[in-house]
Structures are given as structure tokens and as C-alpha cells.
């Protein structure tokens, strides 16, 4: 379980840019990591891979959430602009006159 947490956590960080991949793998890394750390605690050992996987999974989830906020902010600010053909460059006005 510790290795699964570590692998999911490592992939979750770059996967955060593909939002759902980062969230799914991040949550899986957190779950696998917590299960592995609990089992290691019961056995009286340390599971460093599980701890690192849990941390990387959390970073992946937070990164995906930040990426969602950035995308929403960009979309919300760019939808307020309308294109004005009167102030368009010459090529666009020529195309507009050809189209009618």
C-alpha cells in the first residue's frame, strides 16, 4: 500500500494540470497512504513511502484545486470582452467587406 500511495502521489502532482487526474490520484494516494501508515503503526514499523505518498497526494489535490481556481478566473475575465469589428485591423475589415 505504501508503494501504491507513493506512485499515485508522484503521478498526482503533474496530473493536477489535468484536473480530474490530479484529484482522483491525489485522493487515492491519501487513502492508500493512511491505510499503509495505520498498518505500519499496528506492526510497530515506519512506512516512509506511505507518508511521502500521502503528502504528495495532498499536494496534487491542492494543486488541482488551485488550477481550477486559475482556470475559472481566466474564463470569467475573458468572457466580458466583445470583439469590435470597427477597431479591427485592416485584414479583418477586408474579410468583413468580402463576406458582406
PDB file of N, CA and C in Angstrom:
ATOM      1  N   UNK A   1       0.810  -1.192   0.000  1.00  0.00           N
ATOM      2  CA  UNK A   1       0.000   0.000   0.000  1.00  0.00           C
ATOM      3  C   UNK A   1       0.854   1.258   0.000  1.00  0.00           C
ATOM      4  N   UNK A   2       1.992   1.223   0.644  1.00  0.00           N
ATOM      5  CA  UNK A   2       2.874   2.380   0.674  1.00  0.00           C
ATOM      6  C   UNK A   2       3.404   2.719  -0.699  1.00  0.00           C
ATOM      7  N   UNK A   3       3.739   1.680  -1.469  1.00  0.00           N
ATOM      8  CA  UNK A   3       4.227   1.910  -2.830  1.00  0.00           C
ATOM      9  C   UNK A   3       3.113   2.481  -3.697  1.00  0.00           C
ATOM     10  N   UNK A   4       1.898   1.965  -3.546  1.00  0.00           N
ATOM     11  CA  UNK A   4       0.758   2.490  -4.313  1.00  0.00           C
ATOM     12  C   UNK A   4       0.515   3.951  -3.966  1.00  0.00           C
ATOM     13  N   UNK A   5       0.623   4.295  -2.693  1.00  0.00           N
ATOM     14  CA  UNK A   5       0.444   5.687  -2.276  1.00  0.00           C
ATOM     15  C   UNK A   5       1.517   6.573  -2.892  1.00  0.00           C
ATOM     16  N   UNK A   6       2.751   6.085  -2.886  1.00  0.00           N
ATOM     17  CA  UNK A   6       3.852   6.862  -3.432  1.00  0.00           C
ATOM     18  C   UNK A   6       3.694   7.067  -4.939  1.00  0.00           C
ATOM     19  N   UNK A   7       3.349   6.003  -5.658  1.00  0.00           N
ATOM     20  CA  UNK A   7       3.183   6.106  -7.113  1.00  0.00           C
ATOM     21  C   UNK A   7       2.019   7.037  -7.454  1.00  0.00           C
ATOM     22  N   UNK A   8       0.895   6.864  -6.783  1.00  0.00           N
ATOM     23  CA  UNK A   8      -0.256   7.745  -7.035  1.00  0.00           C
ATOM     24  C   UNK A   8       0.072   9.187  -6.692  1.00  0.00           C
ATOM     25  N   UNK A   9       0.793   9.395  -5.617  1.00  0.00           N
ATOM     26  CA  UNK A   9       1.171  10.753  -5.224  1.00  0.00           C
ATOM     27  C   UNK A   9       2.122  11.402  -6.205  1.00  0.00           C
ATOM     28  N   UNK A  10       3.074  10.632  -6.716  1.00  0.00           N
ATOM     29  CA  UNK A  10       4.021  11.171  -7.695  1.00  0.00           C
ATOM     30  C   UNK A  10       3.297  11.556  -8.980  1.00  0.00           C
ATOM     31  N   UNK A  11       2.379  10.714  -9.436  1.00  0.00           N
ATOM     32  CA  UNK A  11       1.655  10.993 -10.675  1.00  0.00           C
ATOM     33  C   UNK A  11       0.606  12.086 -10.459  1.00  0.00           C
ATOM     34  N   UNK A  12       0.117  12.251  -9.246  1.00  0.00           N
ATOM     35  CA  UNK A  12      -0.922  13.252  -8.963  1.00  0.00           C
ATOM     36  C   UNK A  12      -0.409  14.675  -9.132  1.00  0.00           C
ATOM     37  N   UNK A  13       0.862  14.898  -8.890  1.00  0.00           N
ATOM     38  CA  UNK A  13       1.377  16.272  -8.968  1.00  0.00           C
ATOM     39  C   UNK A  13       1.339  16.799 -10.403  1.00  0.00           C
ATOM     40  N   UNK A  14       1.952  16.126 -11.385  1.00  0.00           N
ATOM     41  CA  UNK A  14       1.780  16.647 -12.754  1.00  0.00           C
ATOM     42  C   UNK A  14       0.354  16.429 -13.264  1.00  0.00           C
ATOM     43  N   UNK A  15      -0.324  15.418 -12.707  1.00  0.00           N
ATOM     44  CA  UNK A  15      -1.707  15.165 -13.089  1.00  0.00           C
ATOM     45  C   UNK A  15      -2.658  16.246 -12.635  1.00  0.00           C
ATOM     46  N   UNK A  16      -2.208  17.117 -11.751  1.00  0.00           N
ATOM     47  CA  UNK A  16      -3.055  18.214 -11.281  1.00  0.00           C
ATOM     48  C   UNK A  16      -3.416  19.164 -12.417  1.00  0.00           C
ATOM     49  N   UNK A  17      -2.575  19.222 -13.456  1.00  0.00           N
ATOM     50  CA  UNK A  17      -2.885  20.070 -14.602  1.00  0.00           C
ATOM     51  C   UNK A  17      -4.010  19.481 -15.448  1.00  0.00           C
ATOM     52  N   UNK A  18      -4.192  18.164 -15.377  1.00  0.00           N
ATOM     53  CA  UNK A  18      -5.372  17.518 -15.960  1.00  0.00           C
ATOM     54  C   UNK A  18      -6.297  17.275 -14.770  1.00  0.00           C
ATOM     55  N   UNK A  19      -6.995  18.269 -14.374  1.00  0.00           N
ATOM     56  CA  UNK A  19      -7.629  18.428 -13.068  1.00  0.00           C
ATOM     57  C   UNK A  19      -8.147  17.132 -12.456  1.00  0.00           C
ATOM     58  N   UNK A  20      -8.974  16.396 -13.175  1.00  0.00           N
ATOM     59  CA  UNK A  20      -9.592  15.207 -12.584  1.00  0.00           C
ATOM     60  C   UNK A  20      -8.559  14.141 -12.268  1.00  0.00           C
ATOM     61  N   UNK A  21      -7.539  14.014 -13.086  1.00  0.00           N
ATOM     62  CA  UNK A  21      -6.488  13.030 -12.820  1.00  0.00           C
ATOM     63  C   UNK A  21      -5.770  13.355 -11.515  1.00  0.00           C
ATOM     64  N   UNK A  22      -5.465  14.616 -11.311  1.00  0.00           N
ATOM     65  CA  UNK A  22      -4.797  15.028 -10.076  1.00  0.00           C
ATOM     66  C   UNK A  22      -5.642  14.798  -8.847  1.00  0.00           C
ATOM     67  N   UNK A  23      -6.935  15.081  -8.968  1.00  0.00           N
ATOM     68  CA  UNK A  23      -7.824  14.901  -7.811  1.00  0.00           C
ATOM     69  C   UNK A  23      -7.999  13.418  -7.508  1.00  0.00           C
ATOM     70  N   UNK A  24      -8.270  12.616  -8.527  1.00  0.00           N
ATOM     71  CA  UNK A  24      -8.503  11.178  -8.304  1.00  0.00           C
ATOM     72  C   UNK A  24      -7.251  10.505  -7.763  1.00  0.00           C
ATOM     73  N   UNK A  25      -6.112  10.725  -8.405  1.00  0.00           N
ATOM     74  CA  UNK A  25      -4.878  10.079  -7.938  1.00  0.00           C
ATOM     75  C   UNK A  25      -4.433  10.639  -6.589  1.00  0.00           C
ATOM     76  N   UNK A  26      -4.668  11.920  -6.365  1.00  0.00           N
ATOM     77  CA  UNK A  26      -4.321  12.506  -5.070  1.00  0.00           C
ATOM     78  C   UNK A  26      -5.124  11.903  -3.932  1.00  0.00           C
ATOM     79  N   UNK A  27      -6.424  11.756  -4.151  1.00  0.00           N
ATOM     80  CA  UNK A  27      -7.284  11.147  -3.126  1.00  0.00           C
ATOM     81  C   UNK A  27      -6.892   9.685  -2.907  1.00  0.00           C
ATOM     82  N   UNK A  28      -6.621   8.975  -3.995  1.00  0.00           N
ATOM     83  CA  UNK A  28      -6.176   7.574  -3.847  1.00  0.00           C
ATOM     84  C   UNK A  28      -4.864   7.493  -3.072  1.00  0.00           C
ATOM     85  N   UNK A  29      -3.940   8.401  -3.361  1.00  0.00           N
ATOM     86  CA  UNK A  29      -2.661   8.409  -2.639  1.00  0.00           C
ATOM     87  C   UNK A  29      -2.874   8.670  -1.151  1.00  0.00           C
ATOM     88  N   UNK A  30      -3.775   9.585  -0.843  1.00  0.00           N
ATOM     89  CA  UNK A  30      -4.061   9.879   0.572  1.00  0.00           C
ATOM     90  C   UNK A  30      -4.670   8.651   1.246  1.00  0.00           C
ATOM     91  N   UNK A  31      -5.630   8.016   0.587  1.00  0.00           N
ATOM     92  CA  UNK A  31      -6.283   6.833   1.170  1.00  0.00           C
ATOM     93  C   UNK A  31      -5.290   5.703   1.362  1.00  0.00           C
ATOM     94  N   UNK A  32      -4.549   5.379   0.292  1.00  0.00           N
ATOM     95  CA  UNK A  32      -3.561   4.292   0.395  1.00  0.00           C
ATOM     96  C   UNK A  32      -2.502   4.609   1.445  1.00  0.00           C
ATOM     97  N   UNK A  33      -2.074   5.857   1.492  1.00  0.00           N
ATOM     98  CA  UNK A  33      -1.055   6.240   2.462  1.00  0.00           C
ATOM     99  C   UNK A  33      -1.533   6.124   3.893  1.00  0.00           C
ATOM    100  N   UNK A  34      -2.759   6.565   4.148  1.00  0.00           N
ATOM    101  CA  UNK A  34      -3.288   6.468   5.516  1.00  0.00           C
ATOM    102  C   UNK A  34      -3.486   5.012   5.933  1.00  0.00           C
ATOM    103  N   UNK A  35      -3.965   4.176   5.012  1.00  0.00           N
ATOM    104  CA  UNK A  35      -4.127   2.749   5.329  1.00  0.00           C
ATOM    105  C   UNK A  35      -2.776   2.119   5.624  1.00  0.00           C
ATOM    106  N   UNK A  36      -1.778   2.425   4.767  1.00  0.00           N
ATOM    107  CA  UNK A  36      -0.450   1.841   4.967  1.00  0.00           C
ATOM    108  C   UNK A  36       0.198   2.337   6.256  1.00  0.00           C
ATOM    109  N   UNK A  37       0.021   3.617   6.579  1.00  0.00           N
ATOM    110  CA  UNK A  37       0.593   4.134   7.826  1.00  0.00           C
ATOM    111  C   UNK A  37      -0.086   3.521   9.042  1.00  0.00           C
ATOM    112  N   UNK A  38      -1.391   3.275   8.949  1.00  0.00           N
ATOM    113  CA  UNK A  38      -2.113   2.635  10.041  1.00  0.00           C
ATOM    114  C   UNK A  38      -1.619   1.202  10.247  1.00  0.00           C
ATOM    115  N   UNK A  39      -1.436   0.467   9.143  1.00  0.00           N
ATOM    116  CA  UNK A  39      -0.932  -0.906   9.252  1.00  0.00           C
ATOM    117  C   UNK A  39       0.493  -0.926   9.796  1.00  0.00           C
ATOM    118  N   UNK A  40       1.314   0.021   9.359  1.00  0.00           N
ATOM    119  CA  UNK A  40       2.687   0.079   9.842  1.00  0.00           C
ATOM    120  C   UNK A  40       2.720   0.433  11.327  1.00  0.00           C
ATOM    121  N   UNK A  41       1.819   1.300  11.748  1.00  0.00           N
ATOM    122  CA  UNK A  41       1.753   1.672  13.163  1.00  0.00           C
ATOM    123  C   UNK A  41       1.360   0.477  14.018  1.00  0.00           C
ATOM    124  N   UNK A  42       0.409  -0.327  13.515  1.00  0.00           N
ATOM    125  CA  UNK A  42      -0.002  -1.527  14.255  1.00  0.00           C
ATOM    126  C   UNK A  42       1.117  -2.540  14.330  1.00  0.00           C
ATOM    127  N   UNK A  43       1.934  -2.597  13.276  1.00  0.00           N
ATOM    128  CA  UNK A  43       3.057  -3.541  13.262  1.00  0.00           C
ATOM    129  C   UNK A  43       4.265  -2.989  14.001  1.00  0.00           C
ATOM    130  N   UNK A  44       4.230  -1.713  14.358  1.00  0.00           N
ATOM    131  CA  UNK A  44       5.338  -1.110  15.090  1.00  0.00           C
ATOM    132  C   UNK A  44       6.492  -0.703  14.201  1.00  0.00           C
ATOM    133  N   UNK A  45       6.232  -0.485  12.923  1.00  0.00           N
ATOM    134  CA  UNK A  45       7.283  -0.063  11.993  1.00  0.00           C
ATOM    135  C   UNK A  45       6.921   1.291  11.395  1.00  0.00           C
ATOM    136  N   UNK A  46       7.880   1.850  10.674  1.00  0.00           N
ATOM    137  CA  UNK A  46       7.628   3.106   9.975  1.00  0.00           C
ATOM    138  C   UNK A  46       7.460   2.810   8.493  1.00  0.00           C
ATOM    139  N   UNK A  47       6.585   3.550   7.862  1.00  0.00           N
ATOM    140  CA  UNK A  47       6.390   3.399   6.432  1.00  0.00           C
ATOM    141  C   UNK A  47       6.563   4.774   5.794  1.00  0.00           C
ATOM    142  N   UNK A  48       7.802   5.080   5.465  1.00  0.00           N
ATOM    143  CA  UNK A  48       8.138   6.387   4.918  1.00  0.00           C
ATOM    144  C   UNK A  48       7.502   6.605   3.558  1.00  0.00           C
ATOM    145  N   UNK A  49       7.450   5.550   2.731  1.00  0.00           N
ATOM    146  CA  UNK A  49       6.842   5.690   1.408  1.00  0.00           C
ATOM    147  C   UNK A  49       5.377   6.085   1.518  1.00  0.00           C
ATOM    148  N   UNK A  50       4.662   5.527   2.483  1.00  0.00           N
ATOM    149  CA  UNK A  50       3.255   5.858   2.671  1.00  0.00           C
ATOM    150  C   UNK A  50       3.096   7.308   3.095  1.00  0.00           C
ATOM    151  N   UNK A  51       3.981   7.773   3.976  1.00  0.00           N
ATOM    152  CA  UNK A  51       3.908   9.146   4.441  1.00  0.00           C
ATOM    153  C   UNK A  51       4.208  10.117   3.294  1.00  0.00           C
ATOM    154  N   UNK A  52       5.228   9.837   2.515  1.00  0.00           N
ATOM    155  CA  UNK A  52       5.565  10.696   1.383  1.00  0.00           C
ATOM    156  C   UNK A  52       4.452  10.656   0.338  1.00  0.00           C
ATOM    157  N   UNK A  53       3.897   9.470   0.093  1.00  0.00           N
ATOM    158  CA  UNK A  53       2.791   9.350  -0.850  1.00  0.00           C
ATOM    159  C   UNK A  53       1.574  10.146  -0.416  1.00  0.00           C
ATOM    160  N   UNK A  54       1.285  10.136   0.875  1.00  0.00           N
ATOM    161  CA  UNK A  54       0.164  10.913   1.403  1.00  0.00           C
ATOM    162  C   UNK A  54       0.406  12.404   1.217  1.00  0.00           C
ATOM    163  N   UNK A  55       1.612  12.843   1.500  1.00  0.00           N
ATOM    164  CA  UNK A  55       1.942  14.257   1.345  1.00  0.00           C
ATOM    165  C   UNK A  55       1.867  14.667  -0.128  1.00  0.00           C
ATOM    166  N   UNK A  56       2.430  13.844  -1.020  1.00  0.00           N
ATOM    167  CA  UNK A  56       2.385  14.162  -2.446  1.00  0.00           C
ATOM    168  C   UNK A  56       0.950  14.140  -2.973  1.00  0.00           C
ATOM    169  N   UNK A  57       0.133  13.220  -2.470  1.00  0.00           N
ATOM    170  CA  UNK A  57      -1.274  13.183  -2.865  1.00  0.00           C
ATOM    171  C   UNK A  57      -2.004  14.447  -2.448  1.00  0.00           C
ATOM    172  N   UNK A  58      -1.727  14.912  -1.238  1.00  0.00           N
ATOM    173  CA  UNK A  58      -2.350  16.153  -0.766  1.00  0.00           C
ATOM    174  C   UNK A  58      -1.895  17.338  -1.613  1.00  0.00           C
ATOM    175  N   UNK A  59      -0.618  17.362  -1.977  1.00  0.00           N
ATOM    176  CA  UNK A  59      -0.113  18.434  -2.837  1.00  0.00           C
ATOM    177  C   UNK A  59      -0.794  18.366  -4.206  1.00  0.00           C
ATOM    178  N   UNK A  60      -0.990  17.157  -4.735  1.00  0.00           N
ATOM    179  CA  UNK A  60      -1.675  17.001  -6.015  1.00  0.00           C
ATOM    180  C   UNK A  60      -3.107  17.498  -5.976  1.00  0.00           C
ATOM    181  N   UNK A  61      -3.827  17.185  -4.895  1.00  0.00           N
ATOM    182  CA  UNK A  61      -5.214  17.649  -4.762  1.00  0.00           C
ATOM    183  C   UNK A  61      -5.261  19.166  -4.637  1.00  0.00           C
ATOM    184  N   UNK A  62      -4.401  19.733  -3.812  1.00  0.00           N
ATOM    185  CA  UNK A  62      -4.365  21.187  -3.641  1.00  0.00           C
ATOM    186  C   UNK A  62      -3.966  21.855  -4.959  1.00  0.00           C
ATOM    187  N   UNK A  63      -3.003  21.271  -5.663  1.00  0.00           N
ATOM    188  CA  UNK A  63      -2.598  21.824  -6.956  1.00  0.00           C
ATOM    189  C   UNK A  63      -3.733  21.803  -7.963  1.00  0.00           C
ATOM    190  N   UNK A  64      -4.521  20.727  -7.981  1.00  0.00           N
ATOM    191  CA  UNK A  64      -5.663  20.645  -8.894  1.00  0.00           C
ATOM    192  C   UNK A  64      -6.715  21.687  -8.537  1.00  0.00           C
ATOM    193  N   UNK A  65      -6.946  21.897  -7.251  1.00  0.00           N
ATOM    194  CA  UNK A  65      -7.924  22.901  -6.829  1.00  0.00           C
ATOM    195  C   UNK A  65      -7.452  24.306  -7.214  1.00  0.00           C
ATOM    196  N   UNK A  66      -6.165  24.567  -7.023  1.00  0.00           N
ATOM    197  CA  UNK A  66      -5.612  25.868  -7.420  1.00  0.00           C
ATOM    198  C   UNK A  66      -5.742  26.044  -8.932  1.00  0.00           C
ATOM    199  N   UNK A  67      -5.476  24.983  -9.689  1.00  0.00           N
ATOM    200  CA  UNK A  67      -5.583  25.041 -11.146  1.00  0.00           C
ATOM    201  C   UNK A  67      -7.027  25.324 -11.565  1.00  0.00           C
ATOM    202  N   UNK A  68      -7.995  24.731 -10.890  1.00  0.00           N
ATOM    203  CA  UNK A  68      -9.407  25.004 -11.182  1.00  0.00           C
ATOM    204  C   UNK A  68      -9.714  26.482 -10.935  1.00  0.00           C
ATOM    205  N   UNK A  69      -9.235  27.023  -9.818  1.00  0.00           N
ATOM    206  CA  UNK A  69      -9.469  28.426  -9.497  1.00  0.00           C
ATOM    207  C   UNK A  69      -8.844  29.334 -10.559  1.00  0.00           C
ATOM    208  N   UNK A  70      -7.649  29.011 -11.003  1.00  0.00           N
ATOM    209  CA  UNK A  70      -6.980  29.814 -12.031  1.00  0.00           C
ATOM    210  C   UNK A  70      -7.764  29.774 -13.336  1.00  0.00           C
ATOM    211  N   UNK A  71      -8.206  28.588 -13.745  1.00  0.00           N
ATOM    212  CA  UNK A  71      -8.960  28.460 -14.994  1.00  0.00           C
ATOM    213  C   UNK A  71     -10.272  29.225 -14.913  1.00  0.00           C
ATOM    214  N   UNK A  72     -10.975  29.101 -13.798  1.00  0.00           N
ATOM    215  CA  UNK A  72     -12.242  29.820 -13.639  1.00  0.00           C
ATOM    216  C   UNK A  72     -11.998  31.332 -13.652  1.00  0.00           C
ATOM    217  N   UNK A  73     -10.934  31.782 -13.024  1.00  0.00           N
ATOM    218  CA  UNK A  73     -10.628  33.216 -13.015  1.00  0.00           C
ATOM    219  C   UNK A  73     -10.317  33.715 -14.424  1.00  0.00           C
ATOM    220  N   UNK A  74      -9.572  32.936 -15.187  1.00  0.00           N
ATOM    221  CA  UNK A  74      -9.248  33.337 -16.557  1.00  0.00           C
ATOM    222  C   UNK A  74     -10.504  33.374 -17.414  1.00  0.00           C
ATOM    223  N   UNK A  75     -11.323  32.351 -17.301  1.00  0.00           N
ATOM    224  CA  UNK A  75     -12.547  32.301 -18.105  1.00  0.00           C
ATOM    225  C   UNK A  75     -13.496  33.434 -17.727  1.00  0.00           C
ATOM    226  N   UNK A  76     -13.620  33.708 -16.445  1.00  0.00           N
ATOM    227  CA  UNK A  76     -14.561  34.748 -16.025  1.00  0.00           C
ATOM    228  C   UNK A  76     -14.100  36.137 -16.453  1.00  0.00           C
ATOM    229  N   UNK A  77     -12.817  36.351 -16.585  1.00  0.00           N
ATOM    230  CA  UNK A  77     -12.349  37.675 -17.006  1.00  0.00           C
ATOM    231  C   UNK A  77     -12.348  37.825 -18.522  1.00  0.00           C
ATOM    232  N   UNK A  78     -12.196  36.752 -19.270  1.00  0.00           N
ATOM    233  CA  UNK A  78     -12.155  36.876 -20.728  1.00  0.00           C
ATOM    234  C   UNK A  78     -13.536  36.890 -21.356  1.00  0.00           C
ATOM    235  N   UNK A  79     -14.569  36.449 -20.690  1.00  0.00           N
ATOM    236  CA  UNK A  79     -15.908  36.451 -21.257  1.00  0.00           C
ATOM    237  C   UNK A  79     -16.542  37.837 -21.260  1.00  0.00           C
ATOM    238  N   UNK A  80     -15.944  38.783 -20.587  1.00  0.00           N
ATOM    239  CA  UNK A  80     -16.524  40.116 -20.505  1.00  0.00           C
ATOM    240  C   UNK A  80     -16.181  40.992 -21.705  1.00  0.00           C
ATOM    241  N   UNK A  81     -15.329  40.518 -22.588  1.00  0.00           N
ATOM    242  CA  UNK A  81     -14.895  41.326 -23.713  1.00  0.00           C
ATOM    243  C   UNK A  81     -15.626  40.904 -24.982  1.00  0.00           C
ATOM    244  N   UNK A  82     -16.045  41.894 -25.738  1.00  0.00           N
ATOM    245  CA  UNK A  82     -16.658  41.633 -27.033  1.00  0.00           C
ATOM    246  C   UNK A  82     -15.733  42.185 -28.106  1.00  0.00           C
ATOM    247  N   UNK A  83     -15.704  41.505 -29.225  1.00  0.00           N
ATOM    248  CA  UNK A  83     -14.843  41.932 -30.303  1.00  0.00           C
ATOM    249  C   UNK A  83     -15.544  43.008 -31.115  1.00  0.00           C
ATOM    250  N   UNK A  84     -14.878  44.100 -31.345  1.00  0.00           N
ATOM    251  CA  UNK A  84     -15.438  45.212 -32.105  1.00  0.00           C
ATOM    252  C   UNK A  84     -14.787  45.235 -33.480  1.00  0.00           C
ATOM    253  N   UNK A  85     -15.584  44.950 -34.507  1.00  0.00           N
ATOM    254  CA  UNK A  85     -15.046  44.917 -35.861  1.00  0.00           C
ATOM    255  C   UNK A  85     -14.636  46.296 -36.359  1.00  0.00           C
ATOM    256  N   UNK A  86     -15.166  47.349 -35.767  1.00  0.00           N
ATOM    257  CA  UNK A  86     -14.806  48.697 -36.194  1.00  0.00           C
ATOM    258  C   UNK A  86     -13.373  49.049 -35.835  1.00  0.00           C
ATOM    259  N   UNK A  87     -12.839  48.428 -34.815  1.00  0.00           N
ATOM    260  CA  UNK A  87     -11.467  48.703 -34.426  1.00  0.00           C
ATOM    261  C   UNK A  87     -10.527  47.577 -34.834  1.00  0.00           C
ATOM    262  N   UNK A  88     -10.986  46.722 -35.738  1.00  0.00           N
ATOM    263  CA  UNK A  88     -10.190  45.575 -36.158  1.00  0.00           C
ATOM    264  C   UNK A  88      -9.093  46.011 -37.118  1.00  0.00           C
ATOM    265  N   UNK A  89      -8.053  45.204 -37.231  1.00  0.00           N
ATOM    266  CA  UNK A  89      -7.004  45.500 -38.210  1.00  0.00           C
ATOM    267  C   UNK A  89      -7.550  45.466 -39.638  1.00  0.00           C
ATOM    268  N   UNK A  90      -6.771  45.960 -40.563  1.00  0.00           N
ATOM    269  CA  UNK A  90      -7.204  46.106 -41.956  1.00  0.00           C
ATOM    270  C   UNK A  90      -7.592  44.781 -42.581  1.00  0.00           C
ATOM    271  N   UNK A  91      -6.892  43.726 -42.290  1.00  0.00           N
ATOM    272  CA  UNK A  91      -7.195  42.425 -42.905  1.00  0.00           C
ATOM    273  C   UNK A  91      -8.584  41.941 -42.511  1.00  0.00           C
ATOM    274  N   UNK A  92      -8.950  42.171 -41.270  1.00  0.00           N
ATOM    275  CA  UNK A  92     -10.272  41.719 -40.817  1.00  0.00           C
ATOM    276  C   UNK A  92     -11.366  42.562 -41.469  1.00  0.00           C
ATOM    277  N   UNK A  93     -11.115  43.848 -41.601  1.00  0.00           N
ATOM    278  CA  UNK A  93     -12.125  44.678 -42.263  1.00  0.00           C
ATOM    279  C   UNK A  93     -12.263  44.318 -43.738  1.00  0.00           C
ATOM    280  N   UNK A  94     -11.159  43.901 -44.375  1.00  0.00           N
ATOM    281  CA  UNK A  94     -11.236  43.469 -45.774  1.00  0.00           C
ATOM    282  C   UNK A  94     -12.040  42.177 -45.879  1.00  0.00           C
ATOM    283  N   UNK A  95     -11.803  41.246 -44.979  1.00  0.00           N
ATOM    284  CA  UNK A  95     -12.543  39.984 -44.968  1.00  0.00           C
ATOM    285  C   UNK A  95     -14.008  40.261 -44.696  1.00  0.00           C
ATOM    286  N   UNK A  96     -14.274  41.185 -43.795  1.00  0.00           N
ATOM    287  CA  UNK A  96     -15.659  41.547 -43.482  1.00  0.00           C
ATOM    288  C   UNK A  96     -16.367  42.151 -44.691  1.00  0.00           C
ATOM    289  N   UNK A  97     -15.659  42.966 -45.461  1.00  0.00           N
ATOM    290  CA  UNK A  97     -16.285  43.573 -46.642  1.00  0.00           C
ATOM    291  C   UNK A  97     -16.514  42.532 -47.733  1.00  0.00           C
ATOM    292  N   UNK A  98     -15.659  41.524 -47.824  1.00  0.00           N
ATOM    293  CA  UNK A  98     -15.858  40.466 -48.816  1.00  0.00           C
ATOM    294  C   UNK A  98     -17.048  39.598 -48.433  1.00  0.00           C
ATOM    295  N   UNK A  99     -17.135  39.262 -47.152  1.00  0.00           N
ATOM    296  CA  UNK A  99     -18.237  38.410 -46.684  1.00  0.00           C
ATOM    297  C   UNK A  99     -19.555  39.160 -46.775  1.00  0.00           C
ATOM    298  N   UNK A 100     -19.529  40.417 -46.510  1.00  0.00           N
ATOM    299  CA  UNK A 100     -20.742  41.216 -46.638  1.00  0.00           C
ATOM    300  C   UNK A 100     -21.231  41.611 -45.338  1.00  0.00           C
TER     301      UNK A 100
END
